[in-house]
Structures are given as C-alpha cells and as structure tokens.
Amino acid sequence: MSKFSRRDFLKLSGSTLAMAFSSHKRWPIWDARTLAPGGQEDPPETRMGRVTAAGTAVYEKAERGAARVGYYGRDESFVITGEVRAAGLNAHNDLWYAVEEGYVFSGWVQPMLQYPPQPVHYDMGDWGFWGEICQPYTSARLAPSATAPEKYRYYYGTTYHIIGVQVDDEGNAWYEAFDELPPTTSYWLPAPDVRRLTRAELAPISPFIGDKRVEVDLAEQQVTCLENGLAVFSCRCASGAAFTMDDGTIADFGTPRGEFNVLLKQASRHMVGEDESSPDYFDLPGVPWDTFFDLQGRAIHGTYWHNDYGVPRSHGCLNVSIDDARWIYRWTHPIGAYKDDYIRSNWRVGTPIIIY
C-alpha cells in the first residue's frame, strides 16, 4: 500500500450544496432523467466527442475530399450520433463519427459518455477514493477557488487519487487531487466534475487464472491477452515512433521487442518528457490505467490526447484507449487493492508481455 502522506479534509454535513462553477467546460445538455430514483446513476447513453487537436473539419460525407461544412476547435465537444466505416484521412484508421452537421474523422476526437454533474462526497475515510473526470475537461487549480491560478486542464477519463474536499466562500465544493510530480503535491478540482470510481470498477478480471500472457504485434499494432493459450481480449495500439528534432536528427522511441513482465501498475500517472525545450516534450497529468513492463518506464496505458490507433506515435509506450487500458490493468497480475497508488511486481508474478 502507498505510504504517501495525506492532507486533512473538511467534513461537512447536510445536503449537497448547489454548484456554480463557470471556469470550465460543462456538457451542453443535462437530462435529469439520467439519474435513477434514490440518486443512483444509470449508465449514460449519449455519446459525445471532444477535439484533441488544434481543430477538425466537419465533412459533408464520410470520405476524403468531401466538402467541408463546418469546423470544431480544440476542446470543443459535440454529440456523436453514429459511426461509419469508410476510407479515412490516413491509411490505418477508417472510423468516422456522424454528427449533426455531417461527419468528423475519429483520429483527433476523444469519444466520451455524457455524465451529469456528480454528487459531492464529503466523508473520505482515511484514504480517499479514485476519481475520474467525467466532463470534457475541468480546471486543476492551485487552491480551492475559481480565482486561483489554473495549472492544468484535466481531461475526460483521466484518473486521480482524491484525498480531500473543501467548500469555498461561494458554496462550491472542491476536491484535492494528489499529484506525485514535484514540487506540487496536489491540485484542486471542481467536485461535480469528478466521478467516484467504485471498487467493482477496479475489481480484478479472472484473478485465479495463472496462465496469462499479453502478446503485442508491432507490425499489426495489436495487443492480445491470452488465458491458457486462448485469446480473451484484443485491441489496437499505437506503439513507439521516431521523431524528427529541430536540428534534423531522428530520435528513435520505438517500442522494444522481447519478453517482458508487468513490473508496476498505477491507476494514475503524471507523465512528462525529459527536456522541456524539446519539440516532442509532453506533460500529461492523470494518464490512466498504467501497466509498466520495463525499467525505462514503458507501459500499456490509456490515452486521451488522440484516438488514432494502428500506427506508431508514442515515446515508447503502448497507447490504447482508456477503456482498453482499464481492462488490461484489471486483468494482468499482480492483483492489488482499491487503496493502492501503485502495485509493485517482478518477473516471478507479473504477467508476461511478449512484444514482437
């Protein structure tokens, strides 16, 4: 179990306070019928999309060269009304999303489910809980106030260890989210934008099956999980790639081939590049469902900054969708507890990962 220090939190009684945040993106629609009697949330049905790139065009038809009839800018969200398989804007991705105005290519659209603002949890016990951002994005601030400086945008599907709660002078509740990256150890998030993950959502999958392995086919950009030699799960990935630097040199971040094992699992990881001045620098808080397999920090993990699998594009890790990463995290050995910031392993117990 993690030995990270915890902050004291303010315990409040009474009913949930009304929320009045205006500094972050909300869903365009909140249908109260998505809440079942007793306040228990039904699975949302409305699918949304968020633009992860600088922008994306809306096309009249789901085909290359079709007339452009609209445009969505970075972080804009919209309702997805359907999916179409047709030749895409690149050779490896044929998925288009139907929207009200036409069609958008899926590669730079993060698919989401539409959740209403969440109830606030004031009593966190001695550890807190795992929380998932359930809005397109929210503000991570240096203090529990809408006027405090914003350090990051935390995006849909990213996960955080929630360790505290406070209510500001306006009656708005804020969660304190732990961050392992020095020098700051936590940030403050609008509480209604965070969905509390249940123990069932993190429960191990097939925990008593010992003969498990993961196979990664880099040529096909495919990850397959096997039990007793039979495939039980498969998904596409985006493996490590080569990047051209400012001086024209090539930096090779290709995912290595060979036999590995799960060495560490984390439900949340703040990933950053080594050189902030480098053109390929990255600073990605809350990367969800990380299954590390070598000492250089390579992992299978969820991805919220693109939706374009089937081609190398990472810094050595295996990018998969957030849902796929969660399944792999829950399925692989070792098994951990809900109250674990990290789950250590070695070659004796960690599920084998064969990359070829």
Protein backbone atom coordinates (compact mmCIF):
# COMPACT_ATOMS: atom_id res chain seq x y z
CA MET A 1 0.00 0.00 0.00
CA SER A 2 1.14 3.53 -0.69
CA LYS A 3 2.81 5.46 2.13
CA PHE A 4 2.12 8.90 0.68
CA SER A 5 1.14 11.47 3.32
CA ARG A 6 -2.47 12.62 3.27
CA ARG A 7 -3.98 16.03 3.85
CA ASP A 8 -6.65 16.72 6.41
CA PHE A 9 -10.03 17.43 4.88
CA LEU A 10 -13.06 19.42 5.91
CA LYS A 11 -16.01 17.21 6.88
CA LEU A 12 -19.36 18.79 6.18
CA SER A 13 -22.86 17.58 6.96
CA GLY A 14 -26.18 18.25 5.33
CA SER A 15 -27.32 18.07 1.74
CA THR A 16 -25.13 18.67 -1.27
CA LEU A 17 -24.59 22.35 -1.95
CA ALA A 18 -25.57 23.85 -5.26
CA MET A 19 -22.65 24.28 -7.62
CA ALA A 20 -21.97 27.43 -9.59
CA PHE A 21 -18.68 26.90 -11.40
CA SER A 22 -18.20 28.90 -14.57
CA SER A 23 -14.47 28.46 -15.21
CA HIS A 24 -14.53 25.13 -17.03
CA LYS A 25 -16.39 23.26 -19.75
CA ARG A 26 -19.77 21.70 -18.95
CA TRP A 27 -21.77 19.33 -21.06
CA PRO A 28 -24.14 21.26 -23.33
CA ILE A 29 -27.12 19.22 -22.04
CA TRP A 30 -28.01 17.74 -18.68
CA ASP A 31 -31.02 15.49 -18.76
CA ALA A 32 -32.07 14.84 -15.16
CA ARG A 33 -33.66 11.57 -16.28
CA THR A 34 -30.19 10.05 -16.34
CA LEU A 35 -30.42 9.88 -12.55
CA ALA A 36 -32.42 6.93 -11.26
CA PRO A 37 -34.59 7.07 -8.12
CA GLY A 38 -32.51 7.39 -4.99
CA GLY A 39 -29.76 9.27 -6.80
CA GLN A 40 -28.12 6.17 -8.29
CA GLU A 41 -26.74 6.90 -11.71
CA ASP A 42 -27.83 4.86 -14.71
CA PRO A 43 -25.21 4.28 -17.40
CA PRO A 44 -25.29 7.32 -19.69
CA GLU A 45 -26.49 6.76 -23.23
CA THR A 46 -25.49 9.95 -25.04
CA ARG A 47 -22.10 9.70 -26.75
CA MET A 48 -20.01 12.80 -27.12
CA GLY A 49 -16.75 13.74 -28.76
CA ARG A 50 -14.01 16.20 -27.76
CA VAL A 51 -11.49 17.59 -30.25
CA THR A 52 -7.95 16.72 -29.10
CA ALA A 53 -6.04 18.57 -31.85
CA ALA A 54 -5.93 22.23 -32.82
CA GLY A 55 -9.17 21.65 -34.70
CA THR A 56 -11.02 19.29 -37.01
CA ALA A 57 -13.21 19.80 -40.03
CA VAL A 58 -16.77 18.58 -40.42
CA TYR A 59 -17.30 16.93 -43.82
CA GLU A 60 -20.48 16.58 -45.84
CA LYS A 61 -19.69 12.88 -46.38
CA ALA A 62 -17.51 10.33 -44.63
CA GLU A 63 -14.84 10.37 -47.29
CA ARG A 64 -11.59 12.03 -48.14
CA GLY A 65 -12.10 15.07 -50.36
CA ALA A 66 -15.73 15.67 -49.36
CA ALA A 67 -16.92 19.22 -48.97
CA ARG A 68 -16.20 20.82 -45.61
CA VAL A 69 -19.37 22.07 -43.96
CA GLY A 70 -18.15 23.01 -40.51
CA TYR A 71 -15.31 23.13 -38.03
CA TYR A 72 -14.71 22.30 -34.36
CA GLY A 73 -11.84 23.90 -32.45
CA ARG A 74 -9.63 22.37 -29.79
CA ASP A 75 -11.54 21.00 -26.80
CA GLU A 76 -14.95 21.68 -28.35
CA SER A 77 -17.43 18.91 -27.63
CA PHE A 78 -20.39 17.65 -29.63
CA VAL A 79 -22.92 14.81 -29.77
CA ILE A 80 -21.92 11.70 -31.73
CA THR A 81 -24.99 10.29 -33.46
CA GLY A 82 -23.37 7.28 -35.13
CA GLU A 83 -20.29 5.65 -36.62
CA VAL A 84 -19.31 4.98 -40.23
CA ARG A 85 -16.53 2.75 -41.55
CA ALA A 86 -15.06 4.22 -44.72
CA ALA A 87 -11.66 5.14 -46.12
CA GLY A 88 -10.22 7.62 -43.64
CA LEU A 89 -7.85 10.55 -43.75
CA ASN A 90 -4.98 8.12 -43.21
CA ALA A 91 -4.33 4.53 -44.21
CA HIS A 92 -4.71 2.87 -40.79
CA ASN A 93 -7.94 4.40 -39.45
CA ASP A 94 -11.32 4.03 -41.20
CA LEU A 95 -13.59 5.27 -38.38
CA TRP A 96 -15.74 8.37 -38.81
CA TYR A 97 -18.21 9.87 -36.36
CA ALA A 98 -21.57 11.13 -37.54
CA VAL A 99 -22.53 14.50 -36.01
CA GLU A 100 -25.44 16.86 -36.54
CA GLU A 101 -23.69 18.79 -39.32
CA GLY A 102 -22.06 15.86 -41.12
CA TYR A 103 -19.04 13.68 -40.34
CA VAL A 104 -15.76 14.11 -38.48
CA PHE A 105 -12.72 11.85 -38.72
CA SER A 106 -12.17 9.97 -35.45
CA GLY A 107 -8.39 10.28 -35.16
CA TRP A 108 -8.43 13.56 -33.25
CA VAL A 109 -11.71 13.12 -31.39
CA GLN A 110 -11.85 11.64 -27.90
CA PRO A 111 -15.10 9.65 -27.54
CA MET A 112 -16.94 10.20 -24.26
CA LEU A 113 -20.16 9.45 -22.42
CA GLN A 114 -22.27 12.29 -21.12
CA TYR A 115 -22.49 12.39 -17.34
CA PRO A 116 -24.45 14.91 -15.27
CA PRO A 117 -22.69 16.89 -12.51
CA GLN A 118 -21.75 14.42 -9.81
CA PRO A 119 -22.79 14.34 -6.14
CA VAL A 120 -20.13 15.57 -3.74
CA HIS A 121 -18.56 13.07 -1.33
CA TYR A 122 -17.54 14.76 1.90
CA ASP A 123 -16.50 11.85 4.10
CA MET A 124 -13.42 10.25 2.57
CA GLY A 125 -12.29 7.99 5.37
CA ASP A 126 -8.57 7.61 5.95
CA TRP A 127 -7.54 7.24 2.30
CA GLY A 128 -9.97 8.99 -0.04
CA PHE A 129 -11.08 7.48 -3.34
CA TRP A 130 -10.23 7.11 -7.00
CA GLY A 131 -11.92 9.74 -9.13
CA GLU A 132 -12.37 10.04 -12.88
CA ILE A 133 -13.01 13.27 -14.75
CA CYS A 134 -16.48 12.92 -16.29
CA GLN A 135 -16.74 16.26 -18.13
CA PRO A 136 -14.91 17.11 -21.37
CA TYR A 137 -12.34 18.90 -19.21
CA THR A 138 -12.04 20.71 -15.93
CA SER A 139 -9.65 23.15 -14.28
CA ALA A 140 -6.91 21.94 -11.95
CA ARG A 141 -6.13 24.91 -9.71
CA LEU A 142 -3.53 25.72 -7.09
CA ALA A 143 -6.16 26.41 -4.43
CA PRO A 144 -9.86 25.58 -3.86
CA SER A 145 -11.17 28.73 -5.55
CA ALA A 146 -12.33 29.69 -9.03
CA THR A 147 -9.97 32.69 -8.84
CA ALA A 148 -6.89 30.57 -8.07
CA PRO A 149 -4.38 30.07 -10.92
CA GLU A 150 -5.13 27.19 -13.26
CA LYS A 151 -2.16 24.86 -13.65
CA TYR A 152 -3.67 22.20 -15.94
CA ARG A 153 -6.75 21.14 -17.77
CA TYR A 154 -7.70 17.67 -16.60
CA TYR A 155 -9.49 15.79 -19.38
CA TYR A 156 -12.30 13.27 -19.53
CA GLY A 157 -11.29 9.79 -18.47
CA THR A 158 -8.16 10.81 -16.58
CA THR A 159 -7.93 9.37 -13.07
CA TYR A 160 -6.75 10.86 -9.77
CA HIS A 161 -6.43 9.90 -6.13
CA ILE A 162 -8.85 12.27 -4.37
CA ILE A 163 -7.53 12.99 -0.87
CA GLY A 164 -9.54 15.96 0.38
CA VAL A 165 -12.55 18.24 -0.05
CA GLN A 166 -13.21 21.89 0.81
CA VAL A 167 -16.03 24.34 0.22
CA ASP A 168 -15.20 27.88 -0.84
CA ASP A 169 -16.89 31.11 0.23
CA GLU A 170 -19.33 30.82 -2.68
CA GLY A 171 -20.54 27.39 -1.53
CA ASN A 172 -18.71 25.45 -4.25
CA ALA A 173 -17.07 22.14 -3.35
CA TRP A 174 -13.54 21.35 -4.49
CA TYR A 175 -11.67 18.05 -4.42
CA GLU A 176 -7.96 17.85 -3.68
CA ALA A 177 -6.28 15.52 -6.18
CA PHE A 178 -2.90 14.04 -5.32
CA ASP A 179 -0.08 14.56 -7.84
CA GLU A 180 3.20 12.68 -7.46
CA LEU A 181 5.18 15.13 -9.63
CA PRO A 182 7.34 17.55 -7.58
CA PRO A 183 7.21 20.23 -6.39
CA THR A 184 3.40 20.45 -6.16
CA THR A 185 1.76 17.50 -4.41
CA SER A 186 -1.89 18.24 -5.21
CA TYR A 187 -4.31 20.35 -7.23
CA TRP A 188 -7.93 21.37 -6.65
CA LEU A 189 -10.79 20.33 -8.94
CA PRO A 190 -14.49 21.28 -9.09
CA ALA A 191 -16.08 18.34 -7.29
CA PRO A 192 -19.11 17.92 -9.61
CA ASP A 193 -16.72 17.17 -12.49
CA VAL A 194 -15.26 14.09 -10.77
CA ARG A 195 -17.00 10.71 -10.80
CA ARG A 196 -16.16 8.45 -7.88
CA LEU A 197 -14.95 5.05 -9.11
CA THR A 198 -16.40 2.06 -7.31
CA ARG A 199 -14.50 -0.96 -6.10
CA ALA A 200 -16.33 -3.05 -8.70
CA GLU A 201 -14.88 -0.90 -11.49
CA LEU A 202 -11.37 -1.77 -10.30
CA ALA A 203 -12.04 -5.40 -9.39
CA PRO A 204 -9.62 -7.96 -10.92
CA ILE A 205 -10.74 -9.86 -14.01
CA SER A 206 -10.17 -13.64 -13.94
CA PRO A 207 -7.87 -13.32 -10.91
CA PHE A 208 -7.47 -17.07 -10.31
CA ILE A 209 -6.23 -17.94 -13.80
CA GLY A 210 -2.48 -18.24 -13.58
CA ASP A 211 -1.63 -18.89 -17.23
CA LYS A 212 -1.96 -15.40 -18.65
CA ARG A 213 0.16 -13.53 -21.14
CA VAL A 214 -0.02 -10.42 -23.30
CA GLU A 215 1.19 -10.52 -26.90
CA VAL A 216 1.93 -7.34 -28.84
CA ASP A 217 2.26 -7.49 -32.62
CA LEU A 218 4.05 -4.27 -33.61
CA ALA A 219 3.53 -4.88 -37.34
CA GLU A 220 -0.22 -5.06 -36.83
CA GLN A 221 -0.26 -2.63 -33.87
CA GLN A 222 -2.35 -5.14 -31.94
CA VAL A 223 -2.43 -6.12 -28.26
CA THR A 224 -3.89 -9.53 -27.41
CA CYS A 225 -4.49 -11.04 -23.95
CA LEU A 226 -4.49 -14.83 -23.65
CA GLU A 227 -5.64 -17.25 -20.95
CA ASN A 228 -4.31 -20.80 -21.21
CA GLY A 229 -3.28 -20.00 -24.78
CA LEU A 230 -6.71 -18.72 -25.88
CA ALA A 231 -7.31 -15.10 -26.79
CA VAL A 232 -9.82 -13.42 -24.48
CA PHE A 233 -9.26 -9.75 -25.38
CA SER A 234 -7.71 -7.79 -28.21
CA CYS A 235 -7.35 -4.11 -29.09
CA ARG A 236 -5.39 -1.83 -31.37
CA CYS A 237 -2.49 0.21 -30.06
CA ALA A 238 -0.10 2.98 -31.04
CA SER A 239 3.47 1.98 -30.24
CA GLY A 240 6.71 3.95 -30.04
CA ALA A 241 7.75 6.05 -33.01
CA ALA A 242 10.70 8.09 -34.34
CA PHE A 243 10.59 11.87 -34.11
CA THR A 244 12.47 14.49 -36.13
CA MET A 245 14.18 17.05 -33.90
CA ASP A 246 14.76 20.74 -34.63
CA ASP A 247 18.32 20.04 -35.80
CA GLY A 248 17.12 17.41 -38.27
CA THR A 249 18.28 14.42 -36.27
CA ILE A 250 15.97 11.47 -35.67
CA ALA A 251 15.10 10.43 -32.13
CA ASP A 252 14.02 6.80 -32.10
CA PHE A 253 11.48 5.97 -29.38
CA GLY A 254 10.44 2.65 -30.87
CA THR A 255 8.88 0.12 -28.51
CA PRO A 256 11.46 -2.64 -27.92
CA ARG A 257 10.81 -6.22 -28.92
CA GLY A 258 11.37 -9.04 -26.49
CA GLU A 259 9.97 -10.79 -23.45
CA PHE A 260 8.89 -8.63 -20.52
CA ASN A 261 6.71 -8.85 -17.42
CA VAL A 262 4.40 -6.49 -15.60
CA LEU A 263 6.65 -4.63 -13.13
CA LEU A 264 4.34 -1.94 -11.81
CA LYS A 265 0.71 -0.93 -12.12
CA GLN A 266 -0.73 2.52 -11.38
CA ALA A 267 -4.30 3.72 -11.79
CA SER A 268 -2.93 7.22 -12.42
CA ARG A 269 0.42 8.58 -13.52
CA HIS A 270 1.67 12.07 -14.32
CA MET A 271 3.92 11.57 -17.35
CA VAL A 272 6.37 14.23 -18.52
CA GLY A 273 9.19 14.46 -21.04
CA GLU A 274 12.80 14.98 -20.01
CA ASP A 275 13.58 18.16 -21.94
CA GLU A 276 11.01 20.96 -21.79
CA SER A 277 12.65 22.73 -24.74
CA SER A 278 12.37 19.69 -26.99
CA PRO A 279 9.73 19.79 -29.77
CA ASP A 280 8.45 16.40 -28.63
CA TYR A 281 8.09 17.43 -24.96
CA PHE A 282 4.93 16.29 -23.22
CA ASP A 283 3.30 16.98 -19.84
CA LEU A 284 0.34 14.65 -19.29
CA PRO A 285 -1.32 14.50 -15.87
CA GLY A 286 -3.64 11.69 -14.86
CA VAL A 287 -2.62 9.16 -17.52
CA PRO A 288 -4.99 6.31 -16.61
CA TRP A 289 -4.55 2.58 -16.09
CA ASP A 290 -0.79 2.19 -16.47
CA THR A 291 0.72 -1.29 -16.78
CA PHE A 292 4.53 -0.84 -16.80
CA PHE A 293 6.70 -3.56 -18.30
CA ASP A 294 10.30 -2.31 -18.26
CA LEU A 295 12.65 -0.20 -16.12
CA GLN A 296 12.70 2.63 -18.68
CA GLY A 297 9.10 3.46 -17.78
CA ARG A 298 7.35 1.98 -20.81
CA ALA A 299 3.77 0.93 -20.21
CA ILE A 300 0.46 -0.02 -21.72
CA HIS A 301 -1.78 2.89 -20.76
CA GLY A 302 -4.91 4.81 -21.56
CA THR A 303 -4.75 7.75 -23.98
CA TYR A 304 -6.77 10.95 -24.01
CA TRP A 305 -4.70 13.13 -26.39
CA HIS A 306 -5.54 11.20 -29.56
CA ASN A 307 -7.84 8.47 -30.85
CA ASP A 308 -5.71 7.23 -33.73
CA TYR A 309 -4.51 3.67 -33.18
CA GLY A 310 -2.85 1.32 -35.63
CA VAL A 311 0.34 3.30 -36.26
CA PRO A 312 3.44 4.13 -34.16
CA ARG A 313 3.10 7.55 -32.49
CA SER A 314 4.24 7.29 -28.84
CA HIS A 315 7.51 7.75 -26.92
CA GLY A 316 7.93 4.01 -26.46
CA CYS A 317 4.77 3.16 -24.58
CA LEU A 318 1.79 1.30 -25.99
CA ASN A 319 -1.10 3.76 -26.28
CA VAL A 320 -4.54 2.16 -26.13
CA SER A 321 -7.98 3.58 -25.44
CA ILE A 322 -8.90 4.32 -21.84
CA ASP A 323 -11.48 1.52 -21.74
CA ASP A 324 -8.99 -0.98 -23.17
CA ALA A 325 -6.27 0.12 -20.74
CA ARG A 326 -8.61 -0.31 -17.77
CA TRP A 327 -9.43 -3.88 -18.87
CA ILE A 328 -5.75 -4.78 -19.23
CA TYR A 329 -4.92 -3.16 -15.88
CA ARG A 330 -7.61 -5.18 -14.11
CA TRP A 331 -6.75 -8.44 -15.90
CA THR A 332 -2.97 -8.56 -15.52
CA HIS A 333 -1.09 -9.83 -12.49
CA PRO A 334 -0.19 -8.75 -9.87
CA ILE A 335 -3.52 -8.04 -8.21
CA GLY A 336 -3.77 -5.01 -5.97
CA ALA A 337 -6.24 -3.41 -3.62
CA TYR A 338 -8.52 -0.44 -4.25
CA LYS A 339 -6.42 1.64 -1.85
CA ASP A 340 -3.18 1.28 -3.80
CA ASP A 341 -1.48 4.18 -5.55
CA TYR A 342 0.86 1.64 -7.10
CA ILE A 343 1.14 -2.15 -7.28
CA ARG A 344 4.69 -3.48 -7.42
CA SER A 345 5.68 -6.67 -9.20
CA ASN A 346 8.58 -8.64 -10.70
CA TRP A 347 9.17 -11.40 -13.24
CA ARG A 348 8.00 -14.08 -10.82
CA VAL A 349 4.42 -12.81 -10.52
CA GLY A 350 3.96 -10.20 -13.24
CA THR A 351 2.02 -11.28 -16.31
CA PRO A 352 4.39 -11.94 -19.25
CA ILE A 353 4.27 -9.39 -22.07
CA ILE A 354 5.71 -10.65 -25.37
CA ILE A 355 6.42 -7.94 -27.95
CA TYR A 356 7.36 -8.95 -31.48
